[in-house]
């Protein structure tokens, strides 16, 4: 089934691992020349690979009956129907989405606010307001989102 809308990882967050990898690689090369220890080179390459694969990561996919959240390239997918969602809000720079599983257990998913672009965050809030029958206090835009 094709998603209605997909929200990708923000450029700021996607490039963060690339920058860390570049710094670790440069420091590893300097340490290799000066001290003969190139341990940081491996970490630099690892972070650059993670950054390159996360650049096109689709964090949230919206479907007609449910939504899918995948927070990392190796993280498991979390599928939830719109009627399973019990609340959603912003708490300390994270988006918290509370939902009930098929076994009626309460779970929550946390997404960093800066992981989504501001326009994507507003659109996600609008879709969740429409698809869920929750009161108006459930929103991602009550606070000032950076």
C-alpha atoms as a PDB file:
ATOM      1  CA  UNK A   1       0.000   0.000   0.000  1.00  0.00           C
ATOM      2  CA  UNK A   2       1.321   3.427  -0.937  1.00  0.00           C
ATOM      3  CA  UNK A   3       1.572   6.072   1.778  1.00  0.00           C
ATOM      4  CA  UNK A   4      -0.480   9.256   1.495  1.00  0.00           C
ATOM      5  CA  UNK A   5       2.342  11.401   2.863  1.00  0.00           C
ATOM      6  CA  UNK A   6       5.924  10.810   4.015  1.00  0.00           C
ATOM      7  CA  UNK A   7       7.972  12.981   6.349  1.00  0.00           C
ATOM      8  CA  UNK A   8      11.747  12.717   6.049  1.00  0.00           C
ATOM      9  CA  UNK A   9      14.412  13.421   8.631  1.00  0.00           C
ATOM     10  CA  UNK A  10      15.294  17.119   8.737  1.00  0.00           C
ATOM     11  CA  UNK A  11      18.463  18.178   6.969  1.00  0.00           C
ATOM     12  CA  UNK A  12      19.916  19.445  10.240  1.00  0.00           C
ATOM     13  CA  UNK A  13      19.572  16.041  11.918  1.00  0.00           C
ATOM     14  CA  UNK A  14      20.551  14.111   8.811  1.00  0.00           C
ATOM     15  CA  UNK A  15      23.809  15.988   8.426  1.00  0.00           C
ATOM     16  CA  UNK A  16      24.735  15.763  12.106  1.00  0.00           C
ATOM     17  CA  UNK A  17      26.222  12.259  11.800  1.00  0.00           C
ATOM     18  CA  UNK A  18      28.085  13.258   8.651  1.00  0.00           C
ATOM     19  CA  UNK A  19      29.718  16.165  10.476  1.00  0.00           C
ATOM     20  CA  UNK A  20      30.615  13.976  13.456  1.00  0.00           C
ATOM     21  CA  UNK A  21      32.062  11.384  11.109  1.00  0.00           C
ATOM     22  CA  UNK A  22      34.136  13.982   9.293  1.00  0.00           C
ATOM     23  CA  UNK A  23      35.543  15.353  12.549  1.00  0.00           C
ATOM     24  CA  UNK A  24      36.303  11.856  13.894  1.00  0.00           C
ATOM     25  CA  UNK A  25      37.956  10.902  10.597  1.00  0.00           C
ATOM     26  CA  UNK A  26      40.124  14.024  10.614  1.00  0.00           C
ATOM     27  CA  UNK A  27      41.081  13.515  14.253  1.00  0.00           C
ATOM     28  CA  UNK A  28      41.841   9.852  13.526  1.00  0.00           C
ATOM     29  CA  UNK A  29      44.161  10.797  10.695  1.00  0.00           C
ATOM     30  CA  UNK A  30      45.964  13.325  12.900  1.00  0.00           C
ATOM     31  CA  UNK A  31      46.316  10.766  15.696  1.00  0.00           C
ATOM     32  CA  UNK A  32      47.543   8.167  13.200  1.00  0.00           C
ATOM     33  CA  UNK A  33      50.312  10.480  12.019  1.00  0.00           C
ATOM     34  CA  UNK A  34      51.268  11.790  15.481  1.00  0.00           C
ATOM     35  CA  UNK A  35      50.777   8.761  17.735  1.00  0.00           C
ATOM     36  CA  UNK A  36      50.368   5.801  15.388  1.00  0.00           C
ATOM     37  CA  UNK A  37      46.819   5.178  16.674  1.00  0.00           C
ATOM     38  CA  UNK A  38      44.070   5.314  14.057  1.00  0.00           C
ATOM     39  CA  UNK A  39      41.138   4.069  16.151  1.00  0.00           C
ATOM     40  CA  UNK A  40      39.008   7.133  15.419  1.00  0.00           C
ATOM     41  CA  UNK A  41      39.221   6.464  11.671  1.00  0.00           C
ATOM     42  CA  UNK A  42      36.871   3.491  12.060  1.00  0.00           C
ATOM     43  CA  UNK A  43      34.411   5.525  14.112  1.00  0.00           C
ATOM     44  CA  UNK A  44      34.583   8.323  11.550  1.00  0.00           C
ATOM     45  CA  UNK A  45      33.781   5.954   8.704  1.00  0.00           C
ATOM     46  CA  UNK A  46      30.945   4.387  10.722  1.00  0.00           C
ATOM     47  CA  UNK A  47      29.355   7.771  11.489  1.00  0.00           C
ATOM     48  CA  UNK A  48      29.671   8.847   7.854  1.00  0.00           C
ATOM     49  CA  UNK A  49      27.915   5.670   6.692  1.00  0.00           C
ATOM     50  CA  UNK A  50      25.142   6.198   9.252  1.00  0.00           C
ATOM     51  CA  UNK A  51      24.790   9.837   8.182  1.00  0.00           C
ATOM     52  CA  UNK A  52      24.639   8.932   4.491  1.00  0.00           C
ATOM     53  CA  UNK A  53      21.944   6.307   5.035  1.00  0.00           C
ATOM     54  CA  UNK A  54      19.873   8.537   7.335  1.00  0.00           C
ATOM     55  CA  UNK A  55      19.756  11.467   4.907  1.00  0.00           C
ATOM     56  CA  UNK A  56      16.734  10.029   3.080  1.00  0.00           C
ATOM     57  CA  UNK A  57      15.168   8.328   6.096  1.00  0.00           C
ATOM     58  CA  UNK A  58      11.391   8.597   6.131  1.00  0.00           C
ATOM     59  CA  UNK A  59      10.527   8.986   9.822  1.00  0.00           C
ATOM     60  CA  UNK A  60       6.732   9.106   9.528  1.00  0.00           C
ATOM     61  CA  UNK A  61       4.574   7.613   6.788  1.00  0.00           C
ATOM     62  CA  UNK A  62       0.862   8.315   6.752  1.00  0.00           C
ATOM     63  CA  UNK A  63      -1.550   5.771   5.307  1.00  0.00           C
ATOM     64  CA  UNK A  64      -5.354   6.004   5.081  1.00  0.00           C
ATOM     65  CA  UNK A  65      -5.974   3.792   8.161  1.00  0.00           C
ATOM     66  CA  UNK A  66      -2.717   3.946  10.122  1.00  0.00           C
ATOM     67  CA  UNK A  67       0.677   5.600  10.460  1.00  0.00           C
ATOM     68  CA  UNK A  68       4.169   4.147  10.503  1.00  0.00           C
ATOM     69  CA  UNK A  69       7.069   5.554  12.519  1.00  0.00           C
ATOM     70  CA  UNK A  70      10.667   4.491  11.902  1.00  0.00           C
ATOM     71  CA  UNK A  71      13.213   6.453  13.937  1.00  0.00           C
ATOM     72  CA  UNK A  72      16.422   5.024  12.490  1.00  0.00           C
ATOM     73  CA  UNK A  73      17.803   2.977   9.650  1.00  0.00           C
ATOM     74  CA  UNK A  74      18.046  -0.116  11.876  1.00  0.00           C
ATOM     75  CA  UNK A  75      15.200   0.802  14.258  1.00  0.00           C
ATOM     76  CA  UNK A  76      12.018  -1.277  14.095  1.00  0.00           C
ATOM     77  CA  UNK A  77       8.871   0.114  12.499  1.00  0.00           C
ATOM     78  CA  UNK A  78       6.018   1.094  14.771  1.00  0.00           C
ATOM     79  CA  UNK A  79       2.594   0.785  13.170  1.00  0.00           C
ATOM     80  CA  UNK A  80      -0.476   2.255  14.819  1.00  0.00           C
ATOM     81  CA  UNK A  81      -4.025   2.788  13.697  1.00  0.00           C
ATOM     82  CA  UNK A  82      -5.414   6.269  14.148  1.00  0.00           C
ATOM     83  CA  UNK A  83      -8.097   5.010  16.525  1.00  0.00           C
ATOM     84  CA  UNK A  84      -5.391   3.488  18.777  1.00  0.00           C
ATOM     85  CA  UNK A  85      -3.839   6.921  19.426  1.00  0.00           C
ATOM     86  CA  UNK A  86      -4.809   8.205  22.859  1.00  0.00           C
ATOM     87  CA  UNK A  87      -2.878  11.506  22.942  1.00  0.00           C
ATOM     88  CA  UNK A  88      -0.074  13.472  21.314  1.00  0.00           C
ATOM     89  CA  UNK A  89       1.820  16.532  22.529  1.00  0.00           C
ATOM     90  CA  UNK A  90       5.187  18.278  22.822  1.00  0.00           C
ATOM     91  CA  UNK A  91       7.110  17.510  26.020  1.00  0.00           C
ATOM     92  CA  UNK A  92      10.603  18.968  26.555  1.00  0.00           C
ATOM     93  CA  UNK A  93      11.583  19.281  22.873  1.00  0.00           C
ATOM     94  CA  UNK A  94      10.172  15.861  22.000  1.00  0.00           C
ATOM     95  CA  UNK A  95       6.956  14.873  20.292  1.00  0.00           C
ATOM     96  CA  UNK A  96       5.186  12.242  22.371  1.00  0.00           C
ATOM     97  CA  UNK A  97       2.596  10.038  20.740  1.00  0.00           C
ATOM     98  CA  UNK A  98       0.682   7.753  23.145  1.00  0.00           C
ATOM     99  CA  UNK A  99      -1.208   4.774  21.762  1.00  0.00           C
ATOM    100  CA  UNK A 100      -2.691   1.414  22.757  1.00  0.00           C
ATOM    101  CA  UNK A 101      -1.397  -1.807  21.210  1.00  0.00           C
ATOM    102  CA  UNK A 102      -3.527  -4.709  19.982  1.00  0.00           C
ATOM    103  CA  UNK A 103      -3.148  -6.272  23.452  1.00  0.00           C
ATOM    104  CA  UNK A 104      -4.512  -3.006  24.956  1.00  0.00           C
ATOM    105  CA  UNK A 105      -1.133  -2.043  26.478  1.00  0.00           C
ATOM    106  CA  UNK A 106      -0.312   1.640  26.631  1.00  0.00           C
ATOM    107  CA  UNK A 107       2.859   2.645  24.725  1.00  0.00           C
ATOM    108  CA  UNK A 108       4.462   5.883  23.603  1.00  0.00           C
ATOM    109  CA  UNK A 109       6.799   6.978  20.852  1.00  0.00           C
ATOM    110  CA  UNK A 110       9.149   9.936  21.248  1.00  0.00           C
ATOM    111  CA  UNK A 111      10.476  11.926  18.288  1.00  0.00           C
ATOM    112  CA  UNK A 112      12.793  14.895  18.668  1.00  0.00           C
ATOM    113  CA  UNK A 113      11.133  18.117  17.549  1.00  0.00           C
ATOM    114  CA  UNK A 114      14.174  19.010  15.443  1.00  0.00           C
ATOM    115  CA  UNK A 115      13.936  15.665  13.609  1.00  0.00           C
ATOM    116  CA  UNK A 116      11.093  17.089  11.493  1.00  0.00           C
ATOM    117  CA  UNK A 117      10.993  20.306   9.508  1.00  0.00           C
ATOM    118  CA  UNK A 118       8.548  22.887  10.891  1.00  0.00           C
ATOM    119  CA  UNK A 119       6.233  22.606   7.862  1.00  0.00           C
ATOM    120  CA  UNK A 120       6.165  18.814   8.201  1.00  0.00           C
ATOM    121  CA  UNK A 121       5.393  19.109  11.905  1.00  0.00           C
ATOM    122  CA  UNK A 122       2.443  21.420  11.219  1.00  0.00           C
ATOM    123  CA  UNK A 123       1.107  19.097   8.535  1.00  0.00           C
ATOM    124  CA  UNK A 124       1.486  16.032  10.775  1.00  0.00           C
ATOM    125  CA  UNK A 125      -0.404  17.859  13.525  1.00  0.00           C
ATOM    126  CA  UNK A 126      -3.189  18.736  11.106  1.00  0.00           C
ATOM    127  CA  UNK A 127      -3.537  15.145   9.878  1.00  0.00           C
ATOM    128  CA  UNK A 128      -3.583  13.753  13.426  1.00  0.00           C
ATOM    129  CA  UNK A 129      -6.218  16.316  14.431  1.00  0.00           C
ATOM    130  CA  UNK A 130      -8.397  15.195  11.513  1.00  0.00           C
ATOM    131  CA  UNK A 131      -7.881  11.427  11.804  1.00  0.00           C
ATOM    132  CA  UNK A 132      -8.200  11.085  15.587  1.00  0.00           C
ATOM    133  CA  UNK A 133     -11.254  12.025  17.608  1.00  0.00           C
ATOM    134  CA  UNK A 134      -9.257  13.583  20.424  1.00  0.00           C
ATOM    135  CA  UNK A 135      -9.894  16.902  22.102  1.00  0.00           C
ATOM    136  CA  UNK A 136      -8.187  20.099  20.944  1.00  0.00           C
ATOM    137  CA  UNK A 137      -5.578  19.978  23.725  1.00  0.00           C
ATOM    138  CA  UNK A 138      -3.790  17.249  21.754  1.00  0.00           C
ATOM    139  CA  UNK A 139      -1.500  19.147  19.435  1.00  0.00           C
ATOM    140  CA  UNK A 140       2.140  19.509  18.465  1.00  0.00           C
ATOM    141  CA  UNK A 141       1.917  23.293  18.018  1.00  0.00           C
ATOM    142  CA  UNK A 142       0.905  24.532  21.478  1.00  0.00           C
ATOM    143  CA  UNK A 143       4.460  25.565  22.218  1.00  0.00           C
ATOM    144  CA  UNK A 144       6.939  27.501  20.120  1.00  0.00           C
ATOM    145  CA  UNK A 145       8.645  24.929  17.922  1.00  0.00           C
ATOM    146  CA  UNK A 146      12.132  25.767  16.742  1.00  0.00           C
END
